[in-house]
């Protein structure tokens, strides 16, 4: 039994006339009749009675009618649903990003994407790079912006940005430095991120390599909390330069060469075809990075 045969059957059932049904379908009448005969043979019963030029449904045809209507309607609905998704008229995309990127790069990218595809449902998960990678592996995310680390054989991670870390301090606090060496922070209280936060590990390792163990004024916050603590004058913090763009109460002081940098990668699972909505968001993000003016200390890759 083929879907096309059911469409032919429904056309004849509606018009009760083979020639008219063929005209409505845009096919030759012999072609329609042959398909009806093939359908009847496959079902093992006649579907129409032809008496003195009149066409009526047999008992078998009457039993098939509601089933055929539902099957054709379901097939049309499936085709329409897939067409909507392919045409980005509906669907969803799940993006993960680190907190610093959620507060800087991601909002502008999502604003552009939303303007172009208003019917696509957006879901964002904010977390550490390791958490986001685990969510990718578990199929809870389509895409994730993560800090690049060791290669993952299950992920395709494309480097998209290189970002400098800077020393964030209150704008009200005077500083004689145009840039500062990390070792000069040995006796300066730091506002430190919570355990497991990407920048915490980078900062502690860099301080260790510079020959000292940093002092903490306060620790345990996420990005917004850390920046607020710095604004309140509790200490300074090493942060990605991008997060200070909309923080007028904070000063960004570059680290003296060679400084500290991190690479941001856009990751998704290997051997998995991205949904159309996710592929569209990926293209929007890459276009934004390539064409928009990025903050000082950030460059595209």
C-alpha atoms as a PDB file:
ATOM      1  CA  UNK A   1       0.000   0.000   0.000  1.00  0.00           C
ATOM      2  CA  UNK A   2       1.455   3.343  -1.056  1.00  0.00           C
ATOM      3  CA  UNK A   3       0.555   6.852   0.039  1.00  0.00           C
ATOM      4  CA  UNK A   4      -0.051   7.870  -3.574  1.00  0.00           C
ATOM      5  CA  UNK A   5      -2.546   5.043  -3.991  1.00  0.00           C
ATOM      6  CA  UNK A   6      -4.427   6.253  -0.923  1.00  0.00           C
ATOM      7  CA  UNK A   7      -4.573   9.756  -2.384  1.00  0.00           C
ATOM      8  CA  UNK A   8      -6.045   8.319  -5.600  1.00  0.00           C
ATOM      9  CA  UNK A   9      -8.550   6.301  -3.575  1.00  0.00           C
ATOM     10  CA  UNK A  10      -9.639   9.404  -1.628  1.00  0.00           C
ATOM     11  CA  UNK A  11     -10.022  11.430  -4.809  1.00  0.00           C
ATOM     12  CA  UNK A  12     -12.353   8.810  -6.323  1.00  0.00           C
ATOM     13  CA  UNK A  13     -14.231   8.419  -3.032  1.00  0.00           C
ATOM     14  CA  UNK A  14     -14.831  12.192  -2.945  1.00  0.00           C
ATOM     15  CA  UNK A  15     -15.908  12.673  -6.553  1.00  0.00           C
ATOM     16  CA  UNK A  16     -17.454   9.222  -7.123  1.00  0.00           C
ATOM     17  CA  UNK A  17     -16.092   9.545 -10.650  1.00  0.00           C
ATOM     18  CA  UNK A  18     -12.812   8.167 -12.026  1.00  0.00           C
ATOM     19  CA  UNK A  19     -12.370  10.664 -14.849  1.00  0.00           C
ATOM     20  CA  UNK A  20     -13.110  13.688 -12.649  1.00  0.00           C
ATOM     21  CA  UNK A  21     -10.819  12.368  -9.941  1.00  0.00           C
ATOM     22  CA  UNK A  22      -8.025  11.938 -12.486  1.00  0.00           C
ATOM     23  CA  UNK A  23      -8.544  15.506 -13.726  1.00  0.00           C
ATOM     24  CA  UNK A  24      -8.436  16.847 -10.161  1.00  0.00           C
ATOM     25  CA  UNK A  25      -5.192  15.006  -9.539  1.00  0.00           C
ATOM     26  CA  UNK A  26      -3.660  15.979 -12.877  1.00  0.00           C
ATOM     27  CA  UNK A  27      -3.050  12.392 -13.991  1.00  0.00           C
ATOM     28  CA  UNK A  28      -4.358  10.256 -16.858  1.00  0.00           C
ATOM     29  CA  UNK A  29      -7.504   8.287 -16.062  1.00  0.00           C
ATOM     30  CA  UNK A  30      -5.904   4.911 -17.009  1.00  0.00           C
ATOM     31  CA  UNK A  31      -3.051   5.646 -14.595  1.00  0.00           C
ATOM     32  CA  UNK A  32      -5.494   6.331 -11.769  1.00  0.00           C
ATOM     33  CA  UNK A  33      -7.519   3.209 -12.541  1.00  0.00           C
ATOM     34  CA  UNK A  34      -4.373   1.062 -12.588  1.00  0.00           C
ATOM     35  CA  UNK A  35      -3.299   2.369  -9.201  1.00  0.00           C
ATOM     36  CA  UNK A  36      -6.734   1.698  -7.719  1.00  0.00           C
ATOM     37  CA  UNK A  37      -6.644  -1.856  -9.084  1.00  0.00           C
ATOM     38  CA  UNK A  38      -3.167  -2.345  -7.586  1.00  0.00           C
ATOM     39  CA  UNK A  39      -4.412  -1.098  -4.216  1.00  0.00           C
ATOM     40  CA  UNK A  40      -7.429  -3.416  -4.352  1.00  0.00           C
ATOM     41  CA  UNK A  41      -5.153  -6.345  -5.194  1.00  0.00           C
ATOM     42  CA  UNK A  42      -2.856  -5.599  -2.279  1.00  0.00           C
ATOM     43  CA  UNK A  43      -5.819  -5.369   0.121  1.00  0.00           C
ATOM     44  CA  UNK A  44      -7.548  -8.405  -1.346  1.00  0.00           C
ATOM     45  CA  UNK A  45     -10.926  -6.695  -1.793  1.00  0.00           C
ATOM     46  CA  UNK A  46     -12.667  -4.342  -4.249  1.00  0.00           C
ATOM     47  CA  UNK A  47     -13.036  -0.794  -2.977  1.00  0.00           C
ATOM     48  CA  UNK A  48     -15.569   0.572  -5.481  1.00  0.00           C
ATOM     49  CA  UNK A  49     -18.667  -0.726  -7.203  1.00  0.00           C
ATOM     50  CA  UNK A  50     -19.348   0.469 -10.736  1.00  0.00           C
ATOM     51  CA  UNK A  51     -23.005   0.075 -11.678  1.00  0.00           C
ATOM     52  CA  UNK A  52     -24.443   1.788 -14.792  1.00  0.00           C
ATOM     53  CA  UNK A  53     -21.767   4.495 -14.672  1.00  0.00           C
ATOM     54  CA  UNK A  54     -22.239   5.208 -10.970  1.00  0.00           C
ATOM     55  CA  UNK A  55     -19.348   4.682  -8.568  1.00  0.00           C
ATOM     56  CA  UNK A  56     -19.937   3.841  -4.916  1.00  0.00           C
ATOM     57  CA  UNK A  57     -17.835   2.510  -2.051  1.00  0.00           C
ATOM     58  CA  UNK A  58     -17.939  -1.170  -1.194  1.00  0.00           C
ATOM     59  CA  UNK A  59     -18.010  -2.274   2.441  1.00  0.00           C
ATOM     60  CA  UNK A  60     -14.225  -2.612   2.277  1.00  0.00           C
ATOM     61  CA  UNK A  61     -13.932   0.842   0.715  1.00  0.00           C
ATOM     62  CA  UNK A  62     -16.119   2.397   3.434  1.00  0.00           C
ATOM     63  CA  UNK A  63     -13.933   0.753   6.094  1.00  0.00           C
ATOM     64  CA  UNK A  64     -10.761   2.052   4.445  1.00  0.00           C
ATOM     65  CA  UNK A  65     -12.025   5.627   3.971  1.00  0.00           C
ATOM     66  CA  UNK A  66     -11.483   7.052   7.505  1.00  0.00           C
ATOM     67  CA  UNK A  67      -8.189   5.225   7.849  1.00  0.00           C
ATOM     68  CA  UNK A  68      -6.932   6.555   4.514  1.00  0.00           C
ATOM     69  CA  UNK A  69      -8.017  10.081   5.430  1.00  0.00           C
ATOM     70  CA  UNK A  70      -6.086   9.905   8.706  1.00  0.00           C
ATOM     71  CA  UNK A  71      -2.987   8.387   7.106  1.00  0.00           C
ATOM     72  CA  UNK A  72      -2.851  11.011   4.357  1.00  0.00           C
ATOM     73  CA  UNK A  73      -3.489  13.805   6.874  1.00  0.00           C
ATOM     74  CA  UNK A  74      -0.699  12.512   9.115  1.00  0.00           C
ATOM     75  CA  UNK A  75       1.677  12.288   6.164  1.00  0.00           C
ATOM     76  CA  UNK A  76       0.827  15.860   5.138  1.00  0.00           C
ATOM     77  CA  UNK A  77       1.312  17.059   8.712  1.00  0.00           C
ATOM     78  CA  UNK A  78       4.693  15.328   8.901  1.00  0.00           C
ATOM     79  CA  UNK A  79       5.786  16.878   5.622  1.00  0.00           C
ATOM     80  CA  UNK A  80       4.649  20.304   6.795  1.00  0.00           C
ATOM     81  CA  UNK A  81       6.441  19.939  10.138  1.00  0.00           C
ATOM     82  CA  UNK A  82       9.707  18.951   8.496  1.00  0.00           C
ATOM     83  CA  UNK A  83       9.335  21.752   5.964  1.00  0.00           C
ATOM     84  CA  UNK A  84       8.863  24.267   8.778  1.00  0.00           C
ATOM     85  CA  UNK A  85      11.984  23.038  10.535  1.00  0.00           C
ATOM     86  CA  UNK A  86      14.062  23.013   7.357  1.00  0.00           C
ATOM     87  CA  UNK A  87      12.751  26.474   6.509  1.00  0.00           C
ATOM     88  CA  UNK A  88      13.503  27.661  10.087  1.00  0.00           C
ATOM     89  CA  UNK A  89       9.876  28.613  10.637  1.00  0.00           C
ATOM     90  CA  UNK A  90       9.959  26.661  13.886  1.00  0.00           C
ATOM     91  CA  UNK A  91      12.264  24.455  15.900  1.00  0.00           C
ATOM     92  CA  UNK A  92      14.647  24.926  18.803  1.00  0.00           C
ATOM     93  CA  UNK A  93      18.334  25.292  19.510  1.00  0.00           C
ATOM     94  CA  UNK A  94      20.200  24.686  22.772  1.00  0.00           C
ATOM     95  CA  UNK A  95      23.336  26.763  23.329  1.00  0.00           C
ATOM     96  CA  UNK A  96      25.777  26.539  26.208  1.00  0.00           C
ATOM     97  CA  UNK A  97      28.252  29.247  27.185  1.00  0.00           C
ATOM     98  CA  UNK A  98      30.498  30.196  30.070  1.00  0.00           C
ATOM     99  CA  UNK A  99      29.202  32.991  32.352  1.00  0.00           C
ATOM    100  CA  UNK A 100      31.649  35.549  30.972  1.00  0.00           C
ATOM    101  CA  UNK A 101      30.443  34.878  27.420  1.00  0.00           C
ATOM    102  CA  UNK A 102      26.782  34.851  28.486  1.00  0.00           C
ATOM    103  CA  UNK A 103      27.244  38.376  29.791  1.00  0.00           C
ATOM    104  CA  UNK A 104      29.194  39.700  26.804  1.00  0.00           C
ATOM    105  CA  UNK A 105      29.182  37.991  23.410  1.00  0.00           C
ATOM    106  CA  UNK A 106      26.074  35.795  23.567  1.00  0.00           C
ATOM    107  CA  UNK A 107      23.347  38.469  24.047  1.00  0.00           C
ATOM    108  CA  UNK A 108      24.264  40.300  20.845  1.00  0.00           C
ATOM    109  CA  UNK A 109      24.471  37.065  18.868  1.00  0.00           C
ATOM    110  CA  UNK A 110      21.063  35.922  20.135  1.00  0.00           C
ATOM    111  CA  UNK A 111      19.541  39.339  19.384  1.00  0.00           C
ATOM    112  CA  UNK A 112      20.663  39.056  15.753  1.00  0.00           C
ATOM    113  CA  UNK A 113      19.511  35.455  15.480  1.00  0.00           C
ATOM    114  CA  UNK A 114      16.136  36.217  17.065  1.00  0.00           C
ATOM    115  CA  UNK A 115      15.519  39.051  14.601  1.00  0.00           C
ATOM    116  CA  UNK A 116      16.188  36.730  11.670  1.00  0.00           C
ATOM    117  CA  UNK A 117      14.393  33.643  13.058  1.00  0.00           C
ATOM    118  CA  UNK A 118      11.707  34.788  15.505  1.00  0.00           C
ATOM    119  CA  UNK A 119       9.930  31.416  15.582  1.00  0.00           C
ATOM    120  CA  UNK A 120      12.940  29.436  16.776  1.00  0.00           C
ATOM    121  CA  UNK A 121      12.877  28.655  20.504  1.00  0.00           C
ATOM    122  CA  UNK A 122      16.195  29.435  22.187  1.00  0.00           C
ATOM    123  CA  UNK A 123      17.520  27.641  25.263  1.00  0.00           C
ATOM    124  CA  UNK A 124      20.733  28.732  26.987  1.00  0.00           C
ATOM    125  CA  UNK A 125      22.683  26.819  29.631  1.00  0.00           C
ATOM    126  CA  UNK A 126      25.323  28.771  31.547  1.00  0.00           C
ATOM    127  CA  UNK A 127      28.137  26.853  33.192  1.00  0.00           C
ATOM    128  CA  UNK A 128      31.805  26.002  33.356  1.00  0.00           C
ATOM    129  CA  UNK A 129      33.478  24.605  30.267  1.00  0.00           C
ATOM    130  CA  UNK A 130      33.621  21.140  31.820  1.00  0.00           C
ATOM    131  CA  UNK A 131      29.916  21.228  32.669  1.00  0.00           C
ATOM    132  CA  UNK A 132      29.072  22.365  29.141  1.00  0.00           C
ATOM    133  CA  UNK A 133      31.190  19.607  27.602  1.00  0.00           C
ATOM    134  CA  UNK A 134      29.382  17.045  29.729  1.00  0.00           C
ATOM    135  CA  UNK A 135      26.054  18.478  28.541  1.00  0.00           C
ATOM    136  CA  UNK A 136      27.202  18.155  24.931  1.00  0.00           C
ATOM    137  CA  UNK A 137      28.133  14.516  25.511  1.00  0.00           C
ATOM    138  CA  UNK A 138      24.728  13.904  27.113  1.00  0.00           C
ATOM    139  CA  UNK A 139      22.917  15.457  24.110  1.00  0.00           C
ATOM    140  CA  UNK A 140      21.483  18.232  26.295  1.00  0.00           C
ATOM    141  CA  UNK A 141      23.164  20.889  24.139  1.00  0.00           C
ATOM    142  CA  UNK A 142      23.550  21.392  20.391  1.00  0.00           C
ATOM    143  CA  UNK A 143      26.385  23.932  20.598  1.00  0.00           C
ATOM    144  CA  UNK A 144      28.637  25.274  23.331  1.00  0.00           C
ATOM    145  CA  UNK A 145      31.144  28.122  23.650  1.00  0.00           C
ATOM    146  CA  UNK A 146      33.892  26.728  25.861  1.00  0.00           C
ATOM    147  CA  UNK A 147      37.414  27.573  26.905  1.00  0.00           C
ATOM    148  CA  UNK A 148      39.621  25.368  24.760  1.00  0.00           C
ATOM    149  CA  UNK A 149      41.627  22.817  26.672  1.00  0.00           C
ATOM    150  CA  UNK A 150      42.800  19.299  25.834  1.00  0.00           C
ATOM    151  CA  UNK A 151      41.282  17.731  22.691  1.00  0.00           C
ATOM    152  CA  UNK A 152      38.114  15.674  23.043  1.00  0.00           C
ATOM    153  CA  UNK A 153      37.776  12.865  20.496  1.00  0.00           C
ATOM    154  CA  UNK A 154      33.970  13.080  20.630  1.00  0.00           C
ATOM    155  CA  UNK A 155      33.732  16.818  19.970  1.00  0.00           C
ATOM    156  CA  UNK A 156      34.446  19.121  17.076  1.00  0.00           C
ATOM    157  CA  UNK A 157      35.790  22.267  18.780  1.00  0.00           C
ATOM    158  CA  UNK A 158      36.584  25.152  16.432  1.00  0.00           C
ATOM    159  CA  UNK A 159      38.664  28.011  17.937  1.00  0.00           C
ATOM    160  CA  UNK A 160      36.783  31.272  17.301  1.00  0.00           C
ATOM    161  CA  UNK A 161      38.235  33.878  19.681  1.00  0.00           C
ATOM    162  CA  UNK A 162      41.409  34.644  21.575  1.00  0.00           C
ATOM    163  CA  UNK A 163      40.826  36.807  24.620  1.00  0.00           C
ATOM    164  CA  UNK A 164      43.224  38.507  27.010  1.00  0.00           C
ATOM    165  CA  UNK A 165      42.755  38.396  30.756  1.00  0.00           C
ATOM    166  CA  UNK A 166      43.053  41.787  32.446  1.00  0.00           C
ATOM    167  CA  UNK A 167      43.171  43.053  36.002  1.00  0.00           C
ATOM    168  CA  UNK A 168      39.800  44.522  36.967  1.00  0.00           C
ATOM    169  CA  UNK A 169      39.958  47.230  39.635  1.00  0.00           C
ATOM    170  CA  UNK A 170      37.608  50.010  40.799  1.00  0.00           C
ATOM    171  CA  UNK A 171      37.768  53.078  38.574  1.00  0.00           C
ATOM    172  CA  UNK A 172      37.806  55.222  41.721  1.00  0.00           C
ATOM    173  CA  UNK A 173      41.056  53.638  42.926  1.00  0.00           C
ATOM    174  CA  UNK A 174      44.115  55.405  41.496  1.00  0.00           C
ATOM    175  CA  UNK A 175      46.649  53.260  39.672  1.00  0.00           C
ATOM    176  CA  UNK A 176      50.042  54.271  38.318  1.00  0.00           C
ATOM    177  CA  UNK A 177      50.138  51.352  35.922  1.00  0.00           C
ATOM    178  CA  UNK A 178      49.349  51.259  32.221  1.00  0.00           C
ATOM    179  CA  UNK A 179      50.058  47.566  32.500  1.00  0.00           C
ATOM    180  CA  UNK A 180      50.988  45.337  35.382  1.00  0.00           C
ATOM    181  CA  UNK A 181      53.070  42.203  35.813  1.00  0.00           C
ATOM    182  CA  UNK A 182      51.287  39.337  37.489  1.00  0.00           C
ATOM    183  CA  UNK A 183      54.014  39.125  40.152  1.00  0.00           C
ATOM    184  CA  UNK A 184      53.094  42.654  41.289  1.00  0.00           C
ATOM    185  CA  UNK A 185      49.769  41.281  42.557  1.00  0.00           C
ATOM    186  CA  UNK A 186      51.489  39.125  45.192  1.00  0.00           C
ATOM    187  CA  UNK A 187      50.433  41.432  48.035  1.00  0.00           C
ATOM    188  CA  UNK A 188      47.162  42.641  46.497  1.00  0.00           C
ATOM    189  CA  UNK A 189      43.971  40.935  47.746  1.00  0.00           C
ATOM    190  CA  UNK A 190      42.165  39.126  44.958  1.00  0.00           C
ATOM    191  CA  UNK A 191      38.459  38.553  44.501  1.00  0.00           C
ATOM    192  CA  UNK A 192      38.384  34.903  43.477  1.00  0.00           C
ATOM    193  CA  UNK A 193      35.833  32.827  41.626  1.00  0.00           C
ATOM    194  CA  UNK A 194      34.241  29.717  43.064  1.00  0.00           C
ATOM    195  CA  UNK A 195      35.919  26.333  42.855  1.00  0.00           C
ATOM    196  CA  UNK A 196      35.474  24.720  39.439  1.00  0.00           C
ATOM    197  CA  UNK A 197      35.271  28.053  37.628  1.00  0.00           C
ATOM    198  CA  UNK A 198      37.504  28.142  34.536  1.00  0.00           C
ATOM    199  CA  UNK A 199      39.302  31.401  35.356  1.00  0.00           C
ATOM    200  CA  UNK A 200      40.007  30.350  38.943  1.00  0.00           C
ATOM    201  CA  UNK A 201      42.186  27.469  37.807  1.00  0.00           C
ATOM    202  CA  UNK A 202      43.963  29.609  35.208  1.00  0.00           C
ATOM    203  CA  UNK A 203      44.638  32.358  37.767  1.00  0.00           C
ATOM    204  CA  UNK A 204      45.963  30.044  40.459  1.00  0.00           C
ATOM    205  CA  UNK A 205      48.267  28.258  38.013  1.00  0.00           C
ATOM    206  CA  UNK A 206      49.576  31.560  36.622  1.00  0.00           C
ATOM    207  CA  UNK A 207      50.290  32.857  40.151  1.00  0.00           C
ATOM    208  CA  UNK A 208      52.082  29.622  40.986  1.00  0.00           C
ATOM    209  CA  UNK A 209      54.224  29.987  37.850  1.00  0.00           C
ATOM    210  CA  UNK A 210      54.976  33.589  38.901  1.00  0.00           C
ATOM    211  CA  UNK A 211      56.267  32.288  42.244  1.00  0.00           C
ATOM    212  CA  UNK A 212      53.588  33.212  44.760  1.00  0.00           C
ATOM    213  CA  UNK A 213      50.318  32.100  46.307  1.00  0.00           C
ATOM    214  CA  UNK A 214      47.650  34.807  45.980  1.00  0.00           C
ATOM    215  CA  UNK A 215      45.756  36.283  48.918  1.00  0.00           C
ATOM    216  CA  UNK A 216      41.973  36.235  48.663  1.00  0.00           C
ATOM    217  CA  UNK A 217      39.846  39.126  49.851  1.00  0.00           C
ATOM    218  CA  UNK A 218      36.712  37.112  49.114  1.00  0.00           C
ATOM    219  CA  UNK A 219      36.065  33.995  47.084  1.00  0.00           C
ATOM    220  CA  UNK A 220      33.211  31.838  45.850  1.00  0.00           C
ATOM    221  CA  UNK A 221      31.365  34.075  43.391  1.00  0.00           C
ATOM    222  CA  UNK A 222      30.179  33.801  39.798  1.00  0.00           C
ATOM    223  CA  UNK A 223      31.158  36.461  37.247  1.00  0.00           C
ATOM    224  CA  UNK A 224      28.561  39.102  38.153  1.00  0.00           C
ATOM    225  CA  UNK A 225      29.257  38.706  41.866  1.00  0.00           C
ATOM    226  CA  UNK A 226      33.028  38.946  41.387  1.00  0.00           C
ATOM    227  CA  UNK A 227      32.693  42.145  39.351  1.00  0.00           C
ATOM    228  CA  UNK A 228      30.330  43.623  41.934  1.00  0.00           C
ATOM    229  CA  UNK A 229      32.802  42.790  44.737  1.00  0.00           C
ATOM    230  CA  UNK A 230      35.568  44.541  42.789  1.00  0.00           C
ATOM    231  CA  UNK A 231      33.321  47.568  42.237  1.00  0.00           C
ATOM    232  CA  UNK A 232      32.770  47.647  46.014  1.00  0.00           C
ATOM    233  CA  UNK A 233      36.528  47.930  46.527  1.00  0.00           C
ATOM    234  CA  UNK A 234      37.075  44.522  48.116  1.00  0.00           C
ATOM    235  CA  UNK A 235      39.997  43.668  45.849  1.00  0.00           C
ATOM    236  CA  UNK A 236      40.992  43.152  42.230  1.00  0.00           C
ATOM    237  CA  UNK A 237      40.261  40.222  39.933  1.00  0.00           C
ATOM    238  CA  UNK A 238      41.654  38.652  36.805  1.00  0.00           C
ATOM    239  CA  UNK A 239      38.813  38.565  34.281  1.00  0.00           C
ATOM    240  CA  UNK A 240      38.301  38.252  30.510  1.00  0.00           C
ATOM    241  CA  UNK A 241      38.553  41.697  28.918  1.00  0.00           C
ATOM    242  CA  UNK A 242      35.175  41.270  27.217  1.00  0.00           C
ATOM    243  CA  UNK A 243      33.171  41.345  30.456  1.00  0.00           C
ATOM    244  CA  UNK A 244      34.293  44.897  31.304  1.00  0.00           C
ATOM    245  CA  UNK A 245      32.747  46.512  28.220  1.00  0.00           C
ATOM    246  CA  UNK A 246      29.558  47.531  30.046  1.00  0.00           C
ATOM    247  CA  UNK A 247      31.119  48.073  33.470  1.00  0.00           C
ATOM    248  CA  UNK A 248      31.817  51.838  33.668  1.00  0.00           C
ATOM    249  CA  UNK A 249      32.822  51.627  37.347  1.00  0.00           C
ATOM    250  CA  UNK A 250      35.712  49.270  36.615  1.00  0.00           C
ATOM    251  CA  UNK A 251      39.136  49.776  35.088  1.00  0.00           C
ATOM    252  CA  UNK A 252      40.868  47.166  32.931  1.00  0.00           C
ATOM    253  CA  UNK A 253      44.636  47.077  33.291  1.00  0.00           C
ATOM    254  CA  UNK A 254      46.449  44.807  30.829  1.00  0.00           C
ATOM    255  CA  UNK A 255      48.953  42.307  32.156  1.00  0.00           C
ATOM    256  CA  UNK A 256      52.542  42.966  31.141  1.00  0.00           C
ATOM    257  CA  UNK A 257      53.821  40.782  28.314  1.00  0.00           C
ATOM    258  CA  UNK A 258      53.523  37.930  27.802  1.00  0.00           C
ATOM    259  CA  UNK A 259      50.237  38.414  29.646  1.00  0.00           C
ATOM    260  CA  UNK A 260      47.535  35.771  29.908  1.00  0.00           C
ATOM    261  CA  UNK A 261      45.179  34.673  27.164  1.00  0.00           C
ATOM    262  CA  UNK A 262      42.524  32.063  26.653  1.00  0.00           C
ATOM    263  CA  UNK A 263      41.054  30.582  23.499  1.00  0.00           C
ATOM    264  CA  UNK A 264      37.301  30.260  23.073  1.00  0.00           C
ATOM    265  CA  UNK A 265      36.050  27.383  20.914  1.00  0.00           C
ATOM    266  CA  UNK A 266      32.634  26.643  19.459  1.00  0.00           C
ATOM    267  CA  UNK A 267      31.982  22.956  20.083  1.00  0.00           C
ATOM    268  CA  UNK A 268      29.457  20.364  18.975  1.00  0.00           C
ATOM    269  CA  UNK A 269      29.351  16.589  18.855  1.00  0.00           C
ATOM    270  CA  UNK A 270      31.212  14.788  16.081  1.00  0.00           C
ATOM    271  CA  UNK A 271      29.350  12.377  13.833  1.00  0.00           C
ATOM    272  CA  UNK A 272      26.106  14.232  14.560  1.00  0.00           C
ATOM    273  CA  UNK A 273      24.289  16.325  11.979  1.00  0.00           C
ATOM    274  CA  UNK A 274      23.398  19.662  13.557  1.00  0.00           C
ATOM    275  CA  UNK A 275      19.684  20.523  13.509  1.00  0.00           C
ATOM    276  CA  UNK A 276      18.895  23.266  10.995  1.00  0.00           C
ATOM    277  CA  UNK A 277      18.234  25.781  13.772  1.00  0.00           C
ATOM    278  CA  UNK A 278      21.567  25.004  15.452  1.00  0.00           C
ATOM    279  CA  UNK A 279      23.411  25.280  12.144  1.00  0.00           C
ATOM    280  CA  UNK A 280      21.771  28.674  11.559  1.00  0.00           C
ATOM    281  CA  UNK A 281      22.801  29.877  15.030  1.00  0.00           C
ATOM    282  CA  UNK A 282      26.334  28.637  14.424  1.00  0.00           C
ATOM    283  CA  UNK A 283      26.473  30.652  11.193  1.00  0.00           C
ATOM    284  CA  UNK A 284      25.107  33.755  12.945  1.00  0.00           C
ATOM    285  CA  UNK A 285      27.714  33.492  15.711  1.00  0.00           C
ATOM    286  CA  UNK A 286      30.614  33.039  13.302  1.00  0.00           C
ATOM    287  CA  UNK A 287      29.394  35.948  11.153  1.00  0.00           C
ATOM    288  CA  UNK A 288      29.126  38.165  14.231  1.00  0.00           C
ATOM    289  CA  UNK A 289      32.687  37.370  15.262  1.00  0.00           C
ATOM    290  CA  UNK A 290      33.968  37.965  11.734  1.00  0.00           C
ATOM    291  CA  UNK A 291      32.146  41.238  11.037  1.00  0.00           C
ATOM    292  CA  UNK A 292      31.503  43.046  14.337  1.00  0.00           C
ATOM    293  CA  UNK A 293      33.972  45.232  16.183  1.00  0.00           C
ATOM    294  CA  UNK A 294      35.222  43.249  19.145  1.00  0.00           C
ATOM    295  CA  UNK A 295      36.356  44.747  22.467  1.00  0.00           C
ATOM    296  CA  UNK A 296      39.994  45.598  23.099  1.00  0.00           C
ATOM    297  CA  UNK A 297      41.944  42.473  23.938  1.00  0.00           C
ATOM    298  CA  UNK A 298      39.711  40.172  21.896  1.00  0.00           C
ATOM    299  CA  UNK A 299      40.506  38.999  18.386  1.00  0.00           C
ATOM    300  CA  UNK A 300      38.841  36.507  16.049  1.00  0.00           C
ATOM    301  CA  UNK A 301      40.566  33.317  14.964  1.00  0.00           C
END
